[in-house]
Amino acid sequence: TNLIKANKGDILLIKLKTFLIFTQYLNYTKIQENLGLLRKELVLKLGKTDKQKT
């Protein structure tokens, strides 16, 4: 019975680890998307200010 308990615990740990890795990956991709949007906005704003200067 000890082996079965250990295996169940290991499976839970593995599931938890994969879940954490997956959520971290999702958060990372969301952050990357947000950074991309921010860069686009900055480029547009900088482009507008450059056009106004000339």
PDB file of N, CA and C in Angstrom:
ATOM      1  N   THR A   1       0.834  -1.208   0.000  1.00  0.00           N
ATOM      2  CA  THR A   1       0.000   0.000   0.000  1.00  0.00           C
ATOM      3  C   THR A   1       0.870   1.260   0.000  1.00  0.00           C
ATOM      4  N   ASN A   2       2.046   1.180   0.580  1.00  0.00           N
ATOM      5  CA  ASN A   2       2.933   2.343   0.607  1.00  0.00           C
ATOM      6  C   ASN A   2       3.361   2.744  -0.803  1.00  0.00           C
ATOM      7  N   LEU A   3       3.645   1.748  -1.632  1.00  0.00           N
ATOM      8  CA  LEU A   3       4.053   2.037  -3.008  1.00  0.00           C
ATOM      9  C   LEU A   3       2.924   2.728  -3.764  1.00  0.00           C
ATOM     10  N   ILE A   4       1.693   2.249  -3.581  1.00  0.00           N
ATOM     11  CA  ILE A   4       0.545   2.839  -4.270  1.00  0.00           C
ATOM     12  C   ILE A   4       0.379   4.300  -3.822  1.00  0.00           C
ATOM     13  N   LYS A   5       0.502   4.538  -2.521  1.00  0.00           N
ATOM     14  CA  LYS A   5       0.381   5.910  -2.008  1.00  0.00           C
ATOM     15  C   LYS A   5       1.465   6.803  -2.599  1.00  0.00           C
ATOM     16  N   ALA A   6       2.666   6.279  -2.668  1.00  0.00           N
ATOM     17  CA  ALA A   6       3.779   7.058  -3.219  1.00  0.00           C
ATOM     18  C   ALA A   6       3.518   7.381  -4.690  1.00  0.00           C
ATOM     19  N   ASN A   7       3.048   6.386  -5.426  1.00  0.00           N
ATOM     20  CA  ASN A   7       2.769   6.598  -6.847  1.00  0.00           C
ATOM     21  C   ASN A   7       1.685   7.658  -7.032  1.00  0.00           C
ATOM     22  N   LYS A   8       0.627   7.588  -6.230  1.00  0.00           N
ATOM     23  CA  LYS A   8      -0.445   8.591  -6.321  1.00  0.00           C
ATOM     24  C   LYS A   8       0.106   9.980  -6.032  1.00  0.00           C
ATOM     25  N   GLY A   9       0.964  10.062  -5.023  1.00  0.00           N
ATOM     26  CA  GLY A   9       1.578  11.346  -4.685  1.00  0.00           C
ATOM     27  C   GLY A   9       2.434  11.864  -5.826  1.00  0.00           C
ATOM     28  N   ASP A  10       3.214  10.962  -6.432  1.00  0.00           N
ATOM     29  CA  ASP A  10       4.060  11.357  -7.558  1.00  0.00           C
ATOM     30  C   ASP A  10       3.214  11.854  -8.721  1.00  0.00           C
ATOM     31  N   ILE A  11       2.140  11.135  -9.003  1.00  0.00           N
ATOM     32  CA  ILE A  11       1.253  11.529 -10.110  1.00  0.00           C
ATOM     33  C   ILE A  11       0.676  12.920  -9.836  1.00  0.00           C
ATOM     34  N   LEU A  12       0.265  13.161  -8.598  1.00  0.00           N
ATOM     35  CA  LEU A  12      -0.271  14.479  -8.244  1.00  0.00           C
ATOM     36  C   LEU A  12       0.792  15.556  -8.424  1.00  0.00           C
ATOM     37  N   LEU A  13       2.017  15.255  -7.993  1.00  0.00           N
ATOM     38  CA  LEU A  13       3.107  16.221  -8.143  1.00  0.00           C
ATOM     39  C   LEU A  13       3.374  16.511  -9.614  1.00  0.00           C
ATOM     40  N   ILE A  14       3.392  15.447 -10.411  1.00  0.00           N
ATOM     41  CA  ILE A  14       3.633  15.627 -11.848  1.00  0.00           C
ATOM     42  C   ILE A  14       2.527  16.469 -12.467  1.00  0.00           C
ATOM     43  N   LYS A  15       1.276  16.167 -12.112  1.00  0.00           N
ATOM     44  CA  LYS A  15       0.146  16.955 -12.628  1.00  0.00           C
ATOM     45  C   LYS A  15       0.271  18.410 -12.216  1.00  0.00           C
ATOM     46  N   LEU A  16       0.632  18.642 -10.969  1.00  0.00           N
ATOM     47  CA  LEU A  16       0.777  20.002 -10.466  1.00  0.00           C
ATOM     48  C   LEU A  16       1.890  20.733 -11.198  1.00  0.00           C
ATOM     49  N   LYS A  17       3.005  20.043 -11.385  1.00  0.00           N
ATOM     50  CA  LYS A  17       4.137  20.663 -12.077  1.00  0.00           C
ATOM     51  C   LYS A  17       3.780  21.015 -13.505  1.00  0.00           C
ATOM     52  N   THR A  18       3.131  20.074 -14.215  1.00  0.00           N
ATOM     53  CA  THR A  18       2.760  20.348 -15.604  1.00  0.00           C
ATOM     54  C   THR A  18       1.752  21.494 -15.663  1.00  0.00           C
ATOM     55  N   PHE A  19       0.836  21.531 -14.710  1.00  0.00           N
ATOM     56  CA  PHE A  19      -0.153  22.608 -14.658  1.00  0.00           C
ATOM     57  C   PHE A  19       0.538  23.955 -14.454  1.00  0.00           C
ATOM     58  N   LEU A  20       1.483  24.001 -13.524  1.00  0.00           N
ATOM     59  CA  LEU A  20       2.202  25.245 -13.261  1.00  0.00           C
ATOM     60  C   LEU A  20       2.996  25.683 -14.479  1.00  0.00           C
ATOM     61  N   ILE A  21       3.668  24.724 -15.129  1.00  0.00           N
ATOM     62  CA  ILE A  21       4.445  25.049 -16.323  1.00  0.00           C
ATOM     63  C   ILE A  21       3.512  25.598 -17.406  1.00  0.00           C
ATOM     64  N   PHE A  22       2.356  24.934 -17.567  1.00  0.00           N
ATOM     65  CA  PHE A  22       1.394  25.347 -18.590  1.00  0.00           C
ATOM     66  C   PHE A  22       0.877  26.758 -18.319  1.00  0.00           C
ATOM     67  N   THR A  23       0.512  27.042 -17.053  1.00  0.00           N
ATOM     68  CA  THR A  23      -0.008  28.373 -16.724  1.00  0.00           C
ATOM     69  C   THR A  23       1.086  29.427 -16.899  1.00  0.00           C
ATOM     70  N   GLN A  24       2.325  29.073 -16.520  1.00  0.00           N
ATOM     71  CA  GLN A  24       3.429  30.014 -16.713  1.00  0.00           C
ATOM     72  C   GLN A  24       3.610  30.316 -18.196  1.00  0.00           C
ATOM     73  N   TYR A  25       3.498  29.269 -19.037  1.00  0.00           N
ATOM     74  CA  TYR A  25       3.633  29.442 -20.482  1.00  0.00           C
ATOM     75  C   TYR A  25       2.534  30.349 -21.020  1.00  0.00           C
ATOM     76  N   LEU A  26       1.289  30.114 -20.561  1.00  0.00           N
ATOM     77  CA  LEU A  26       0.168  30.944 -21.011  1.00  0.00           C
ATOM     78  C   LEU A  26       0.389  32.391 -20.598  1.00  0.00           C
ATOM     79  N   ASN A  27       0.790  32.609 -19.343  1.00  0.00           N
ATOM     80  CA  ASN A  27       1.063  33.962 -18.872  1.00  0.00           C
ATOM     81  C   ASN A  27       2.164  34.601 -19.694  1.00  0.00           C
ATOM     82  N   TYR A  28       3.209  33.829 -20.023  1.00  0.00           N
ATOM     83  CA  TYR A  28       4.327  34.341 -20.809  1.00  0.00           C
ATOM     84  C   TYR A  28       3.849  34.797 -22.184  1.00  0.00           C
ATOM     85  N   THR A  29       3.026  33.952 -22.838  1.00  0.00           N
ATOM     86  CA  THR A  29       2.552  34.320 -24.171  1.00  0.00           C
ATOM     87  C   THR A  29       1.663  35.556 -24.104  1.00  0.00           C
ATOM     88  N   LYS A  30       0.836  35.651 -23.061  1.00  0.00           N
ATOM     89  CA  LYS A  30      -0.019  36.836 -22.900  1.00  0.00           C
ATOM     90  C   LYS A  30       0.838  38.079 -22.706  1.00  0.00           C
ATOM     91  N   ILE A  31       1.885  37.969 -21.881  1.00  0.00           N
ATOM     92  CA  ILE A  31       2.784  39.104 -21.640  1.00  0.00           C
ATOM     93  C   ILE A  31       3.447  39.504 -22.954  1.00  0.00           C
ATOM     94  N   GLN A  32       3.907  38.512 -23.732  1.00  0.00           N
ATOM     95  CA  GLN A  32       4.545  38.795 -25.016  1.00  0.00           C
ATOM     96  C   GLN A  32       3.579  39.523 -25.948  1.00  0.00           C
ATOM     97  N   GLU A  33       2.320  39.072 -25.987  1.00  0.00           N
ATOM     98  CA  GLU A  33       1.310  39.722 -26.832  1.00  0.00           C
ATOM     99  C   GLU A  33       1.101  41.164 -26.390  1.00  0.00           C
ATOM    100  N   ASN A  34       0.986  41.370 -25.065  1.00  0.00           N
ATOM    101  CA  ASN A  34       0.788  42.718 -24.546  1.00  0.00           C
ATOM    102  C   ASN A  34       1.968  43.614 -24.879  1.00  0.00           C
ATOM    103  N   LEU A  35       3.191  43.068 -24.776  1.00  0.00           N
ATOM    104  CA  LEU A  35       4.374  43.852 -25.116  1.00  0.00           C
ATOM    105  C   LEU A  35       4.352  44.217 -26.594  1.00  0.00           C
ATOM    106  N   GLY A  36       3.930  43.275 -27.425  1.00  0.00           N
ATOM    107  CA  GLY A  36       3.835  43.550 -28.854  1.00  0.00           C
ATOM    108  C   GLY A  36       2.853  44.678 -29.132  1.00  0.00           C
ATOM    109  N   LEU A  37       1.702  44.648 -28.462  1.00  0.00           N
ATOM    110  CA  LEU A  37       0.703  45.708 -28.631  1.00  0.00           C
ATOM    111  C   LEU A  37       1.253  47.043 -28.152  1.00  0.00           C
ATOM    112  N   LEU A  38       1.946  47.037 -27.023  1.00  0.00           N
ATOM    113  CA  LEU A  38       2.526  48.271 -26.507  1.00  0.00           C
ATOM    114  C   LEU A  38       3.549  48.834 -27.486  1.00  0.00           C
ATOM    115  N   ARG A  39       4.366  47.959 -28.069  1.00  0.00           N
ATOM    116  CA  ARG A  39       5.367  48.408 -29.043  1.00  0.00           C
ATOM    117  C   ARG A  39       4.681  49.043 -30.238  1.00  0.00           C
ATOM    118  N   LYS A  40       3.602  48.405 -30.730  1.00  0.00           N
ATOM    119  CA  LYS A  40       2.872  48.950 -31.875  1.00  0.00           C
ATOM    120  C   LYS A  40       2.342  50.341 -31.551  1.00  0.00           C
ATOM    121  N   GLU A  41       1.763  50.491 -30.352  1.00  0.00           N
ATOM    122  CA  GLU A  41       1.224  51.785 -29.934  1.00  0.00           C
ATOM    123  C   GLU A  41       2.327  52.827 -29.867  1.00  0.00           C
ATOM    124  N   LEU A  42       3.480  52.433 -29.302  1.00  0.00           N
ATOM    125  CA  LEU A  42       4.600  53.363 -29.204  1.00  0.00           C
ATOM    126  C   LEU A  42       5.082  53.777 -30.586  1.00  0.00           C
ATOM    127  N   VAL A  43       5.188  52.811 -31.487  1.00  0.00           N
ATOM    128  CA  VAL A  43       5.638  53.113 -32.847  1.00  0.00           C
ATOM    129  C   VAL A  43       4.673  54.091 -33.511  1.00  0.00           C
ATOM    130  N   LEU A  44       3.366  53.853 -33.341  1.00  0.00           N
ATOM    131  CA  LEU A  44       2.368  54.749 -33.928  1.00  0.00           C
ATOM    132  C   LEU A  44       2.499  56.154 -33.343  1.00  0.00           C
ATOM    133  N   LYS A  45       2.642  56.224 -32.009  1.00  0.00           N
ATOM    134  CA  LYS A  45       2.750  57.532 -31.349  1.00  0.00           C
ATOM    135  C   LYS A  45       4.027  58.243 -31.782  1.00  0.00           C
ATOM    136  N   LEU A  46       5.136  57.491 -31.835  1.00  0.00           N
ATOM    137  CA  LEU A  46       6.402  58.092 -32.257  1.00  0.00           C
ATOM    138  C   LEU A  46       6.322  58.532 -33.705  1.00  0.00           C
ATOM    139  N   GLY A  47       5.673  57.719 -34.536  1.00  0.00           N
ATOM    140  CA  GLY A  47       5.501  58.074 -35.945  1.00  0.00           C
ATOM    141  C   GLY A  47       4.712  59.364 -36.097  1.00  0.00           C
ATOM    142  N   LYS A  48       3.663  59.521 -35.287  1.00  0.00           N
ATOM    143  CA  LYS A  48       2.828  60.725 -35.342  1.00  0.00           C
ATOM    144  C   LYS A  48       3.636  61.940 -34.909  1.00  0.00           C
ATOM    145  N   THR A  49       4.421  61.805 -33.828  1.00  0.00           N
ATOM    146  CA  THR A  49       5.201  62.947 -33.348  1.00  0.00           C
ATOM    147  C   THR A  49       6.267  63.317 -34.369  1.00  0.00           C
ATOM    148  N   ASP A  50       6.874  62.302 -35.035  1.00  0.00           N
ATOM    149  CA  ASP A  50       7.877  62.597 -36.056  1.00  0.00           C
ATOM    150  C   ASP A  50       7.251  63.369 -37.212  1.00  0.00           C
ATOM    151  N   LYS A  51       6.039  62.974 -37.622  1.00  0.00           N
ATOM    152  CA  LYS A  51       5.369  63.655 -38.723  1.00  0.00           C
ATOM    153  C   LYS A  51       5.015  65.087 -38.334  1.00  0.00           C
ATOM    154  N   GLN A  52       4.643  65.304 -37.077  1.00  0.00           N
ATOM    155  CA  GLN A  52       4.276  66.637 -36.615  1.00  0.00           C
ATOM    156  C   GLN A  52       5.506  67.560 -36.610  1.00  0.00           C
ATOM    157  N   LYS A  53       6.676  66.986 -36.279  1.00  0.00           N
ATOM    158  CA  LYS A  53       7.900  67.792 -36.221  1.00  0.00           C
ATOM    159  C   LYS A  53       8.261  68.341 -37.588  1.00  0.00           C
ATOM    160  N   THR A  54       8.140  67.520 -38.637  1.00  0.00           N
ATOM    161  CA  THR A  54       8.571  67.950 -39.965  1.00  0.00           C
ATOM    162  C   THR A  54       7.610  68.948 -40.569  1.00  0.00           C
TER     163      THR A  54
END
